[in-house]
Each structure stands twice: as structure tokens, then as C-alpha cells.
Amino acid sequence: HFLHALQEEFGKELVIVLDNAPYFIAKHLKKQAAKAGLLLEYLPSYAPEMNPLEQCWRQVNEGRANKLYRTLSELKAYLTSKLPTLHSPRIYEYLC
């Protein structure tokens, strides 16, 4: 499980900050987190400026509007070229 892997990597006492995507607010996830002793905190709804990953997604999507990738290889090539160009020098500090 992902939650177990997080604890193995970062320790047992974790606070995980999530947005309000349906898969993050699912009862199953909340139940598993409680069982593992993890604290889940949720960002406010409709506040993308509080989620540093939103800026990364915006940068990844620049220039991609209305582009269809016909194969997984095409999409992978695009992401491989785009990800190293992200301009978020403080993203790691912000998240950690």
C-alpha cells in the first residue's frame, strides 16, 4: 500500500496534505490512514493557489492544448522533454 510505503520512507508519524479529489476523500483511504496512525489534512476546496503541484501541472500543460498523443510512447516523449524544464525551484522545500 502507498500509505505503508510513505511510512517506511519517512517514518510513522506523518501528516499528509491532500486536495479534495474524490479518491483522496474516499472512506476507504480515511479508514486505512486512521488504521496506520496517519493524519490526513485537506486543502480548501477551489484553492489551487495553495497546492504547489497545480503550478507544475500548468507548466506541463503549456503548449499542449488540443494535442492528441496517439501512443503512450508519444506521451512519454513529451513528458520526458517537459518535466526537466519545470520552474519550481522551491517546490521541494515547500512540500517537505
PDB file of N, CA and C in Angstrom:
ATOM      1  N   HIS A   1       0.822  -1.191   0.000  1.00  0.00           N
ATOM      2  CA  HIS A   1       0.000   0.000   0.000  1.00  0.00           C
ATOM      3  C   HIS A   1       0.863   1.251   0.000  1.00  0.00           C
ATOM      4  N   PHE A   2       0.330   2.268  -0.625  1.00  0.00           N
ATOM      5  CA  PHE A   2       1.034   3.540  -0.725  1.00  0.00           C
ATOM      6  C   PHE A   2       1.274   4.162   0.651  1.00  0.00           C
ATOM      7  N   LEU A   3       0.274   4.124   1.513  1.00  0.00           N
ATOM      8  CA  LEU A   3       0.420   4.718   2.843  1.00  0.00           C
ATOM      9  C   LEU A   3       1.519   4.022   3.641  1.00  0.00           C
ATOM     10  N   HIS A   4       1.578   2.716   3.523  1.00  0.00           N
ATOM     11  CA  HIS A   4       2.624   1.957   4.212  1.00  0.00           C
ATOM     12  C   HIS A   4       3.998   2.343   3.661  1.00  0.00           C
ATOM     13  N   ALA A   5       4.096   2.489   2.353  1.00  0.00           N
ATOM     14  CA  ALA A   5       5.369   2.872   1.734  1.00  0.00           C
ATOM     15  C   ALA A   5       5.817   4.253   2.219  1.00  0.00           C
ATOM     16  N   LEU A   6       4.867   5.176   2.380  1.00  0.00           N
ATOM     17  CA  LEU A   6       5.211   6.501   2.907  1.00  0.00           C
ATOM     18  C   LEU A   6       5.792   6.400   4.312  1.00  0.00           C
ATOM     19  N   GLN A   7       5.167   5.579   5.134  1.00  0.00           N
ATOM     20  CA  GLN A   7       5.656   5.416   6.499  1.00  0.00           C
ATOM     21  C   GLN A   7       7.029   4.756   6.527  1.00  0.00           C
ATOM     22  N   GLU A   8       7.243   3.811   5.663  1.00  0.00           N
ATOM     23  CA  GLU A   8       8.550   3.158   5.601  1.00  0.00           C
ATOM     24  C   GLU A   8       9.630   4.160   5.203  1.00  0.00           C
ATOM     25  N   GLU A   9       9.296   5.039   4.288  1.00  0.00           N
ATOM     26  CA  GLU A   9      10.269   6.017   3.784  1.00  0.00           C
ATOM     27  C   GLU A   9      10.496   7.175   4.752  1.00  0.00           C
ATOM     28  N   PHE A  10       9.421   7.695   5.350  1.00  0.00           N
ATOM     29  CA  PHE A  10       9.519   8.939   6.106  1.00  0.00           C
ATOM     30  C   PHE A  10       9.250   8.808   7.604  1.00  0.00           C
ATOM     31  N   GLY A  11       8.893   7.633   8.069  1.00  0.00           N
ATOM     32  CA  GLY A  11       8.625   7.451   9.492  1.00  0.00           C
ATOM     33  C   GLY A  11       7.144   7.288   9.766  1.00  0.00           C
ATOM     34  N   LYS A  12       6.844   6.854  10.964  1.00  0.00           N
ATOM     35  CA  LYS A  12       5.459   6.514  11.312  1.00  0.00           C
ATOM     36  C   LYS A  12       4.565   7.724  11.519  1.00  0.00           C
ATOM     37  N   GLU A  13       5.109   8.815  12.057  1.00  0.00           N
ATOM     38  CA  GLU A  13       4.288   9.982  12.355  1.00  0.00           C
ATOM     39  C   GLU A  13       4.295  10.938  11.171  1.00  0.00           C
ATOM     40  N   LEU A  14       3.254  10.874  10.371  1.00  0.00           N
ATOM     41  CA  LEU A  14       3.162  11.707   9.174  1.00  0.00           C
ATOM     42  C   LEU A  14       1.853  12.468   9.142  1.00  0.00           C
ATOM     43  N   VAL A  15       1.933  13.660   8.595  1.00  0.00           N
ATOM     44  CA  VAL A  15       0.743  14.419   8.242  1.00  0.00           C
ATOM     45  C   VAL A  15       0.779  14.511   6.726  1.00  0.00           C
ATOM     46  N   ILE A  16      -0.262  14.031   6.085  1.00  0.00           N
ATOM     47  CA  ILE A  16      -0.327  14.033   4.627  1.00  0.00           C
ATOM     48  C   ILE A  16      -1.343  15.083   4.200  1.00  0.00           C
ATOM     49  N   VAL A  17      -0.892  16.024   3.363  1.00  0.00           N
ATOM     50  CA  VAL A  17      -1.755  17.100   2.885  1.00  0.00           C
ATOM     51  C   VAL A  17      -2.257  16.721   1.495  1.00  0.00           C
ATOM     52  N   LEU A  18      -3.579  16.742   1.340  1.00  0.00           N
ATOM     53  CA  LEU A  18      -4.222  16.311   0.098  1.00  0.00           C
ATOM     54  C   LEU A  18      -5.202  17.370  -0.386  1.00  0.00           C
ATOM     55  N   ASP A  19      -5.487  17.330  -1.681  1.00  0.00           N
ATOM     56  CA  ASP A  19      -6.578  18.177  -2.157  1.00  0.00           C
ATOM     57  C   ASP A  19      -7.880  17.400  -1.982  1.00  0.00           C
ATOM     58  N   ASN A  20      -8.952  17.928  -2.468  1.00  0.00           N
ATOM     59  CA  ASN A  20     -10.258  17.300  -2.241  1.00  0.00           C
ATOM     60  C   ASN A  20     -10.727  16.445  -3.413  1.00  0.00           C
ATOM     61  N   ALA A  21      -9.791  15.867  -4.149  1.00  0.00           N
ATOM     62  CA  ALA A  21     -10.161  14.959  -5.231  1.00  0.00           C
ATOM     63  C   ALA A  21     -10.936  13.783  -4.630  1.00  0.00           C
ATOM     64  N   PRO A  22     -11.926  13.277  -5.349  1.00  0.00           N
ATOM     65  CA  PRO A  22     -12.765  12.201  -4.804  1.00  0.00           C
ATOM     66  C   PRO A  22     -11.984  10.997  -4.279  1.00  0.00           C
ATOM     67  N   TYR A  23     -10.902  10.638  -4.931  1.00  0.00           N
ATOM     68  CA  TYR A  23     -10.151   9.466  -4.481  1.00  0.00           C
ATOM     69  C   TYR A  23      -9.382   9.751  -3.192  1.00  0.00           C
ATOM     70  N   PHE A  24      -9.163  11.031  -2.847  1.00  0.00           N
ATOM     71  CA  PHE A  24      -8.493  11.364  -1.596  1.00  0.00           C
ATOM     72  C   PHE A  24      -9.461  11.473  -0.425  1.00  0.00           C
ATOM     73  N   ILE A  25     -10.730  11.684  -0.717  1.00  0.00           N
ATOM     74  CA  ILE A  25     -11.695  11.815   0.376  1.00  0.00           C
ATOM     75  C   ILE A  25     -12.517  10.538   0.564  1.00  0.00           C
ATOM     76  N   ALA A  26     -12.149   9.510  -0.166  1.00  0.00           N
ATOM     77  CA  ALA A  26     -12.863   8.236  -0.075  1.00  0.00           C
ATOM     78  C   ALA A  26     -12.769   7.660   1.336  1.00  0.00           C
ATOM     79  N   LYS A  27     -13.849   7.052   1.775  1.00  0.00           N
ATOM     80  CA  LYS A  27     -13.905   6.467   3.117  1.00  0.00           C
ATOM     81  C   LYS A  27     -12.818   5.419   3.317  1.00  0.00           C
ATOM     82  N   HIS A  28     -12.535   4.650   2.266  1.00  0.00           N
ATOM     83  CA  HIS A  28     -11.523   3.596   2.371  1.00  0.00           C
ATOM     84  C   HIS A  28     -10.154   4.197   2.705  1.00  0.00           C
ATOM     85  N   LEU A  29      -9.791   5.292   2.034  1.00  0.00           N
ATOM     86  CA  LEU A  29      -8.499   5.926   2.299  1.00  0.00           C
ATOM     87  C   LEU A  29      -8.446   6.461   3.725  1.00  0.00           C
ATOM     88  N   LYS A  30      -9.518   7.114   4.141  1.00  0.00           N
ATOM     89  CA  LYS A  30      -9.554   7.656   5.504  1.00  0.00           C
ATOM     90  C   LYS A  30      -9.436   6.537   6.539  1.00  0.00           C
ATOM     91  N   LYS A  31     -10.102   5.434   6.269  1.00  0.00           N
ATOM     92  CA  LYS A  31     -10.065   4.290   7.182  1.00  0.00           C
ATOM     93  C   LYS A  31      -8.654   3.707   7.263  1.00  0.00           C
ATOM     94  N   GLN A  32      -8.007   3.539   6.106  1.00  0.00           N
ATOM     95  CA  GLN A  32      -6.654   2.993   6.082  1.00  0.00           C
ATOM     96  C   GLN A  32      -5.666   3.931   6.768  1.00  0.00           C
ATOM     97  N   ALA A  33      -5.828   5.236   6.551  1.00  0.00           N
ATOM     98  CA  ALA A  33      -4.934   6.207   7.185  1.00  0.00           C
ATOM     99  C   ALA A  33      -5.093   6.168   8.701  1.00  0.00           C
ATOM    100  N   ALA A  34      -6.328   6.118   9.167  1.00  0.00           N
ATOM    101  CA  ALA A  34      -6.577   6.056  10.611  1.00  0.00           C
ATOM    102  C   ALA A  34      -5.975   4.787  11.206  1.00  0.00           C
ATOM    103  N   LYS A  35      -6.135   3.688  10.503  1.00  0.00           N
ATOM    104  CA  LYS A  35      -5.588   2.403  10.961  1.00  0.00           C
ATOM    105  C   LYS A  35      -4.059   2.469  11.070  1.00  0.00           C
ATOM    106  N   ALA A  36      -3.437   3.195  10.133  1.00  0.00           N
ATOM    107  CA  ALA A  36      -1.977   3.314  10.120  1.00  0.00           C
ATOM    108  C   ALA A  36      -1.473   4.421  11.045  1.00  0.00           C
ATOM    109  N   GLY A  37      -2.391   5.192  11.622  1.00  0.00           N
ATOM    110  CA  GLY A  37      -1.990   6.277  12.508  1.00  0.00           C
ATOM    111  C   GLY A  37      -1.535   7.526  11.783  1.00  0.00           C
ATOM    112  N   LEU A  38      -1.959   7.686  10.543  1.00  0.00           N
ATOM    113  CA  LEU A  38      -1.593   8.861   9.755  1.00  0.00           C
ATOM    114  C   LEU A  38      -2.650   9.941   9.896  1.00  0.00           C
ATOM    115  N   LEU A  39      -2.215  11.179   9.869  1.00  0.00           N
ATOM    116  CA  LEU A  39      -3.136  12.302   9.924  1.00  0.00           C
ATOM    117  C   LEU A  39      -3.293  12.859   8.515  1.00  0.00           C
ATOM    118  N   LEU A  40      -4.513  12.903   8.025  1.00  0.00           N
ATOM    119  CA  LEU A  40      -4.800  13.479   6.714  1.00  0.00           C
ATOM    120  C   LEU A  40      -5.346  14.887   6.909  1.00  0.00           C
ATOM    121  N   GLU A  41      -4.749  15.840   6.224  1.00  0.00           N
ATOM    122  CA  GLU A  41      -5.229  17.224   6.224  1.00  0.00           C
ATOM    123  C   GLU A  41      -5.575  17.577   4.788  1.00  0.00           C
ATOM    124  N   TYR A  42      -6.669  18.273   4.611  1.00  0.00           N
ATOM    125  CA  TYR A  42      -7.150  18.599   3.271  1.00  0.00           C
ATOM    126  C   TYR A  42      -7.040  20.085   2.987  1.00  0.00           C
ATOM    127  N   LEU A  43      -6.564  20.405   1.790  1.00  0.00           N
ATOM    128  CA  LEU A  43      -6.541  21.793   1.345  1.00  0.00           C
ATOM    129  C   LEU A  43      -7.972  22.259   1.134  1.00  0.00           C
ATOM    130  N   PRO A  44      -8.218  23.557   1.240  1.00  0.00           N
ATOM    131  CA  PRO A  44      -9.573  24.051   0.983  1.00  0.00           C
ATOM    132  C   PRO A  44      -9.997  23.763  -0.459  1.00  0.00           C
ATOM    133  N   SER A  45     -11.271  23.532  -0.647  1.00  0.00           N
ATOM    134  CA  SER A  45     -11.800  23.324  -1.999  1.00  0.00           C
ATOM    135  C   SER A  45     -11.630  24.596  -2.820  1.00  0.00           C
ATOM    136  N   TYR A  46     -11.401  24.420  -4.090  1.00  0.00           N
ATOM    137  CA  TYR A  46     -11.296  25.535  -5.040  1.00  0.00           C
ATOM    138  C   TYR A  46     -10.216  26.538  -4.641  1.00  0.00           C
ATOM    139  N   ALA A  47      -9.089  26.043  -4.182  1.00  0.00           N
ATOM    140  CA  ALA A  47      -7.963  26.900  -3.815  1.00  0.00           C
ATOM    141  C   ALA A  47      -6.674  26.350  -4.424  1.00  0.00           C
ATOM    142  N   PRO A  48      -6.598  26.282  -5.770  1.00  0.00           N
ATOM    143  CA  PRO A  48      -5.414  25.698  -6.400  1.00  0.00           C
ATOM    144  C   PRO A  48      -4.124  26.449  -6.079  1.00  0.00           C
ATOM    145  N   GLU A  49      -4.241  27.733  -5.720  1.00  0.00           N
ATOM    146  CA  GLU A  49      -3.039  28.502  -5.386  1.00  0.00           C
ATOM    147  C   GLU A  49      -2.361  27.976  -4.121  1.00  0.00           C
ATOM    148  N   MET A  50      -3.071  27.207  -3.336  1.00  0.00           N
ATOM    149  CA  MET A  50      -2.489  26.631  -2.121  1.00  0.00           C
ATOM    150  C   MET A  50      -1.822  25.284  -2.381  1.00  0.00           C
ATOM    151  N   ASN A  51      -2.006  24.748  -3.569  1.00  0.00           N
ATOM    152  CA  ASN A  51      -1.445  23.449  -3.916  1.00  0.00           C
ATOM    153  C   ASN A  51      -0.275  23.664  -4.872  1.00  0.00           C
ATOM    154  N   PRO A  52       0.969  23.500  -4.400  1.00  0.00           N
ATOM    155  CA  PRO A  52       2.127  23.774  -5.253  1.00  0.00           C
ATOM    156  C   PRO A  52       2.197  22.895  -6.493  1.00  0.00           C
ATOM    157  N   LEU A  53       1.572  21.739  -6.463  1.00  0.00           N
ATOM    158  CA  LEU A  53       1.613  20.872  -7.642  1.00  0.00           C
ATOM    159  C   LEU A  53       0.774  21.411  -8.791  1.00  0.00           C
ATOM    160  N   GLU A  54      -0.200  22.258  -8.481  1.00  0.00           N
ATOM    161  CA  GLU A  54      -1.015  22.847  -9.545  1.00  0.00           C
ATOM    162  C   GLU A  54      -0.150  23.661 -10.501  1.00  0.00           C
ATOM    163  N   GLN A  55       0.837  24.385  -9.969  1.00  0.00           N
ATOM    164  CA  GLN A  55       1.733  25.162 -10.825  1.00  0.00           C
ATOM    165  C   GLN A  55       2.543  24.228 -11.721  1.00  0.00           C
ATOM    166  N   CYS A  56       2.966  23.104 -11.183  1.00  0.00           N
ATOM    167  CA  CYS A  56       3.700  22.131 -12.005  1.00  0.00           C
ATOM    168  C   CYS A  56       2.825  21.617 -13.137  1.00  0.00           C
ATOM    169  N   TRP A  57       1.557  21.287 -12.848  1.00  0.00           N
ATOM    170  CA  TRP A  57       0.649  20.803 -13.892  1.00  0.00           C
ATOM    171  C   TRP A  57       0.438  21.866 -14.962  1.00  0.00           C
ATOM    172  N   ARG A  58       0.313  23.143 -14.541  1.00  0.00           N
ATOM    173  CA  ARG A  58       0.142  24.220 -15.526  1.00  0.00           C
ATOM    174  C   ARG A  58       1.332  24.265 -16.466  1.00  0.00           C
ATOM    175  N   GLN A  59       2.530  24.144 -15.907  1.00  0.00           N
ATOM    176  CA  GLN A  59       3.725  24.191 -16.740  1.00  0.00           C
ATOM    177  C   GLN A  59       3.793  22.990 -17.683  1.00  0.00           C
ATOM    178  N   VAL A  60       3.433  21.827 -17.203  1.00  0.00           N
ATOM    179  CA  VAL A  60       3.455  20.630 -18.050  1.00  0.00           C
ATOM    180  C   VAL A  60       2.469  20.775 -19.207  1.00  0.00           C
ATOM    181  N   ASN A  61       1.338  21.400 -18.943  1.00  0.00           N
ATOM    182  CA  ASN A  61       0.296  21.521 -19.966  1.00  0.00           C
ATOM    183  C   ASN A  61       0.495  22.677 -20.935  1.00  0.00           C
ATOM    184  N   GLU A  62       1.428  23.581 -20.658  1.00  0.00           N
ATOM    185  CA  GLU A  62       1.675  24.691 -21.578  1.00  0.00           C
ATOM    186  C   GLU A  62       2.053  24.148 -22.954  1.00  0.00           C
ATOM    187  N   GLY A  63       1.421  24.669 -23.967  1.00  0.00           N
ATOM    188  CA  GLY A  63       1.730  24.258 -25.333  1.00  0.00           C
ATOM    189  C   GLY A  63       1.155  22.913 -25.723  1.00  0.00           C
ATOM    190  N   ARG A  64       0.356  22.325 -24.875  1.00  0.00           N
ATOM    191  CA  ARG A  64      -0.191  21.004 -25.137  1.00  0.00           C
ATOM    192  C   ARG A  64      -1.673  21.051 -25.488  1.00  0.00           C
ATOM    193  N   ALA A  65      -2.257  22.219 -25.492  1.00  0.00           N
ATOM    194  CA  ALA A  65      -3.696  22.346 -25.737  1.00  0.00           C
ATOM    195  C   ALA A  65      -4.091  21.686 -27.056  1.00  0.00           C
ATOM    196  N   ASN A  66      -5.152  20.945 -27.021  1.00  0.00           N
ATOM    197  CA  ASN A  66      -5.710  20.274 -28.197  1.00  0.00           C
ATOM    198  C   ASN A  66      -4.729  19.324 -28.877  1.00  0.00           C
ATOM    199  N   LYS A  67      -3.796  18.805 -28.140  1.00  0.00           N
ATOM    200  CA  LYS A  67      -2.819  17.860 -28.690  1.00  0.00           C
ATOM    201  C   LYS A  67      -3.244  16.448 -28.326  1.00  0.00           C
ATOM    202  N   LEU A  68      -3.298  15.589 -29.313  1.00  0.00           N
ATOM    203  CA  LEU A  68      -3.648  14.190 -29.093  1.00  0.00           C
ATOM    204  C   LEU A  68      -2.390  13.339 -29.232  1.00  0.00           C
ATOM    205  N   TYR A  69      -2.109  12.564 -28.222  1.00  0.00           N
ATOM    206  CA  TYR A  69      -0.987  11.631 -28.286  1.00  0.00           C
ATOM    207  C   TYR A  69      -1.565  10.279 -28.660  1.00  0.00           C
ATOM    208  N   ARG A  70      -1.204   9.807 -29.815  1.00  0.00           N
ATOM    209  CA  ARG A  70      -1.791   8.573 -30.336  1.00  0.00           C
ATOM    210  C   ARG A  70      -1.201   7.320 -29.699  1.00  0.00           C
ATOM    211  N   THR A  71      -0.028   7.462 -29.131  1.00  0.00           N
ATOM    212  CA  THR A  71       0.590   6.306 -28.481  1.00  0.00           C
ATOM    213  C   THR A  71       1.143   6.725 -27.117  1.00  0.00           C
ATOM    214  N   LEU A  72       1.329   5.745 -26.287  1.00  0.00           N
ATOM    215  CA  LEU A  72       1.931   6.000 -24.987  1.00  0.00           C
ATOM    216  C   LEU A  72       3.362   6.507 -25.161  1.00  0.00           C
ATOM    217  N   SER A  73       4.031   6.042 -26.195  1.00  0.00           N
ATOM    218  CA  SER A  73       5.404   6.487 -26.466  1.00  0.00           C
ATOM    219  C   SER A  73       5.455   7.979 -26.772  1.00  0.00           C
ATOM    220  N   GLU A  74       4.464   8.483 -27.521  1.00  0.00           N
ATOM    221  CA  GLU A  74       4.413   9.918 -27.820  1.00  0.00           C
ATOM    222  C   GLU A  74       4.216  10.731 -26.546  1.00  0.00           C
ATOM    223  N   LEU A  75       3.315  10.280 -25.704  1.00  0.00           N
ATOM    224  CA  LEU A  75       3.068  10.979 -24.444  1.00  0.00           C
ATOM    225  C   LEU A  75       4.310  10.934 -23.557  1.00  0.00           C
ATOM    226  N   LYS A  76       4.939   9.779 -23.488  1.00  0.00           N
ATOM    227  CA  LYS A  76       6.146   9.637 -22.675  1.00  0.00           C
ATOM    228  C   LYS A  76       7.253  10.562 -23.181  1.00  0.00           C
ATOM    229  N   ALA A  77       7.403  10.661 -24.495  1.00  0.00           N
ATOM    230  CA  ALA A  77       8.424  11.548 -25.067  1.00  0.00           C
ATOM    231  C   ALA A  77       8.150  13.002 -24.686  1.00  0.00           C
ATOM    232  N   TYR A  78       6.873  13.399 -24.751  1.00  0.00           N
ATOM    233  CA  TYR A  78       6.515  14.768 -24.370  1.00  0.00           C
ATOM    234  C   TYR A  78       6.861  15.023 -22.900  1.00  0.00           C
ATOM    235  N   LEU A  79       6.432  14.121 -22.027  1.00  0.00           N
ATOM    236  CA  LEU A  79       6.683  14.303 -20.599  1.00  0.00           C
ATOM    237  C   LEU A  79       8.174  14.267 -20.272  1.00  0.00           C
ATOM    238  N   THR A  80       8.904  13.407 -20.945  1.00  0.00           N
ATOM    239  CA  THR A  80      10.342  13.305 -20.725  1.00  0.00           C
ATOM    240  C   THR A  80      11.041  14.610 -21.085  1.00  0.00           C
ATOM    241  N   SER A  81      10.548  15.280 -22.115  1.00  0.00           N
ATOM    242  CA  SER A  81      11.157  16.554 -22.501  1.00  0.00           C
ATOM    243  C   SER A  81      10.672  17.712 -21.629  1.00  0.00           C
ATOM    244  N   LYS A  82       9.442  17.634 -21.136  1.00  0.00           N
ATOM    245  CA  LYS A  82       8.841  18.750 -20.403  1.00  0.00           C
ATOM    246  C   LYS A  82       9.199  18.767 -18.917  1.00  0.00           C
ATOM    247  N   LEU A  83       9.207  17.626 -18.267  1.00  0.00           N
ATOM    248  CA  LEU A  83       9.415  17.590 -16.818  1.00  0.00           C
ATOM    249  C   LEU A  83      10.719  18.248 -16.356  1.00  0.00           C
ATOM    250  N   PRO A  84      11.834  18.051 -17.062  1.00  0.00           N
ATOM    251  CA  PRO A  84      13.070  18.706 -16.597  1.00  0.00           C
ATOM    252  C   PRO A  84      13.033  20.235 -16.701  1.00  0.00           C
ATOM    253  N   THR A  85      12.075  20.789 -17.425  1.00  0.00           N
ATOM    254  CA  THR A  85      12.019  22.240 -17.612  1.00  0.00           C
ATOM    255  C   THR A  85      11.137  22.945 -16.589  1.00  0.00           C
ATOM    256  N   LEU A  86      10.553  22.226 -15.657  1.00  0.00           N
ATOM    257  CA  LEU A  86       9.671  22.848 -14.672  1.00  0.00           C
ATOM    258  C   LEU A  86      10.429  23.900 -13.866  1.00  0.00           C
ATOM    259  N   HIS A  87       9.770  25.023 -13.667  1.00  0.00           N
ATOM    260  CA  HIS A  87      10.382  26.132 -12.933  1.00  0.00           C
ATOM    261  C   HIS A  87       9.785  26.224 -11.540  1.00  0.00           C
ATOM    262  N   SER A  88      10.135  25.312 -10.703  1.00  0.00           N
ATOM    263  CA  SER A  88       9.654  25.314  -9.322  1.00  0.00           C
ATOM    264  C   SER A  88      10.821  25.023  -8.389  1.00  0.00           C
ATOM    265  N   PRO A  89      11.769  25.955  -8.306  1.00  0.00           N
ATOM    266  CA  PRO A  89      12.966  25.675  -7.509  1.00  0.00           C
ATOM    267  C   PRO A  89      12.691  25.443  -6.036  1.00  0.00           C
ATOM    268  N   ARG A  90      11.582  25.978  -5.533  1.00  0.00           N
ATOM    269  CA  ARG A  90      11.305  25.822  -4.113  1.00  0.00           C
ATOM    270  C   ARG A  90      10.238  24.771  -3.843  1.00  0.00           C
ATOM    271  N   ILE A  91       9.819  24.032  -4.847  1.00  0.00           N
ATOM    272  CA  ILE A  91       8.725  23.078  -4.664  1.00  0.00           C
ATOM    273  C   ILE A  91       9.082  22.031  -3.611  1.00  0.00           C
ATOM    274  N   TYR A  92      10.306  21.529  -3.638  1.00  0.00           N
ATOM    275  CA  TYR A  92      10.696  20.502  -2.674  1.00  0.00           C
ATOM    276  C   TYR A  92      10.683  21.069  -1.260  1.00  0.00           C
ATOM    277  N   GLU A  93      11.244  22.278  -1.096  1.00  0.00           N
ATOM    278  CA  GLU A  93      11.252  22.898   0.225  1.00  0.00           C
ATOM    279  C   GLU A  93       9.830  23.115   0.723  1.00  0.00           C
ATOM    280  N   TYR A  94       8.937  23.525  -0.182  1.00  0.00           N
ATOM    281  CA  TYR A  94       7.556  23.796   0.198  1.00  0.00           C
ATOM    282  C   TYR A  94       6.849  22.521   0.642  1.00  0.00           C
ATOM    283  N   LEU A  95       7.082  21.447  -0.089  1.00  0.00           N
ATOM    284  CA  LEU A  95       6.408  20.191   0.218  1.00  0.00           C
ATOM    285  C   LEU A  95       6.995  19.508   1.444  1.00  0.00           C
ATOM    286  N   CYS A  96       8.263  19.696   1.689  1.00  0.00           N
ATOM    287  CA  CYS A  96       8.913  18.998   2.797  1.00  0.00           C
ATOM    288  C   CYS A  96       9.194  19.964   3.909  1.00  0.00           C
TER     289      CYS A  96
END
